[in-house]
Amino acid sequence: AIFSCSVCHCLGAMLLCPAARAAPWRRTLLAAAAAPLRAAPLVARRRGVVTTAAAAGGKLREVGDSDVAQLLMAGAPVVLHCGAAWSQRSQAVAARLAEWAHSGPEAAGVTCVTADLTAVPDLVARRAIKGMPAVLFMRGGKVETRADGADVEALERILKVASNYGSVANKASPALTESWSAPETLALADDLWRQGVAPETIATFYEHALRGDAAFAFRARLGLLRCALEACEVAAAAGRPPAEDAVERAVGALAELQERHEDELYGVDVREDSMQVAQHLARAGLLIDAWSGDAEGEEAEVLDLYAKKYEEAAIDVALQWYRTAATNDMDGLVAAYCVPHRLIPDRAGSRSSRSIYAQDQLACEIPDAPGPAAPRAMLRRLIAALGPMHDSAMRARVELEVLLDNKPFVPFHTRVVYIRRGGPPKRGWGTGKRSGYSKRYWVTYGPGTMRPNSKKMGSPHCDKND
């Protein structure tokens, strides 16, 4: 037994070492060392009960690197066993995992697979597997818990976590267990979204997490806001207006989030998903304002288009609204550029109460701000909800640069241009750059769409030699 255990550890280290894997004597040594181990019976002991692989309810499906990647992309919970056929401890852990996988409802919705360490080199390197056997519990592409050099007892701890997902898998009304901690409940709620469970049911999980550890209250309230928005969007997708009580829940969820979590929303700490949270809140504000029906005129039109998922049309209407408001109030536009900077919230309640700009001497709301403050705030909200890399947001930012430019377009070419055999001009007379154009200046309309400068010589875009 001592000899077998030592051989397992030595051969496991050899498998995980790249230099040893490449050595020509590897196959010979593995075959010689594993021969006596293959003759030994495969036995796993758990709570005094002896089980063999044949009696464990079937074998686990063997996977490779490509299979593991597909499982992670699917998002479902996965228990992955990484070991070797010649290791007794690895086979004992695999036998217990196979038994649990076929045990019934507690394993429902959880995929259990096994992989030989030599067949998954990418997984070994990416997940930094340093011991054999290794058991990883993964969900949404991330490892939630793991055990390197695992035995059956370590596997039981992982299966206890995995069984929580089995208890809520594939059920229209999954049961909530009061003993679950806040992190466990939030993780289970995320998995319920993947399963397509009704938002009213998922909201009970976020409420349970909210009653637990206060450190997870921000995530719980974000989930409650998502549930309230989803309930309203289901009604809107069916062609009927959202119910008043559903809209009130969404309004209350957003207001409570902004009131109780100013540090998370307006603090200096940058979180891993800060961009996604900011987009979620900006989108929530636009949808709530559209469903509440308090807006009028162009603002109501923009909100209605966005709520109906016509983002491109909403951007166009907001741009035209800004252009009309700016050209009709040029004095206000100039004043907006000349007055000292003050933070003007794009939406009521979107400014921290502890900000210096919330004090009476510096506070300024949209109706009191000079210039086209209302359409400017709407454009900022749309861009924040769509994200900076969205095609419509990028187009809007570019069009804002030339929105108020009414000067006629004047083509410009140098006096003499030397052309290569294909391609851009090699050099030209009339500019100091010898590029065939005046000072280089590009206008970008979006990904893959660019136009070179063709301004008249002597314009601000030319240099001193033009």
Foldseek 3Di string as FASTA:
>chain_A
DVVLVVVQFVLQQLLLDPVSVPDPCNVVVCVVSLVVLVPDAQWAADPRDIDGLVRLQHAFAEDAQVVVVVVLVLQFKEKEKEAAPSRSQSRNQRSNQSSVCRVPQLNPRYHYHYYYSNRYVVCCVVVVADAPTKIFIDGNNDTPDIDGNDGNVVSVVVSVLSSVLSQQPPDLQGDDDLPDELVSLLVSLVVVVSVVHQLVRSLVSLVSSCVHDVVCVLVSLLSQLVSLVVQQLVQVVVVHGGDPVSLVSNVVSLLVNLVVPVCVLPNPDDDPCNLVVQLSSLLSVLQSVQRVPPDDDLSNVLSVCVSVVNLLVSLVSLLVLQLVQCVVAVVLVVVLVPDDDADEALDPSSDDCPDPCVDPVNPDYQVRHGTPSNSVSVLVSSCSNQDCQDLSNLQSVLCVVCVNPPDDDDFAWAPAFDPDPDDFTQAGPDAPVRRRAFAWDWRDNHPPDIDTDGDYPPDPRHDPRD
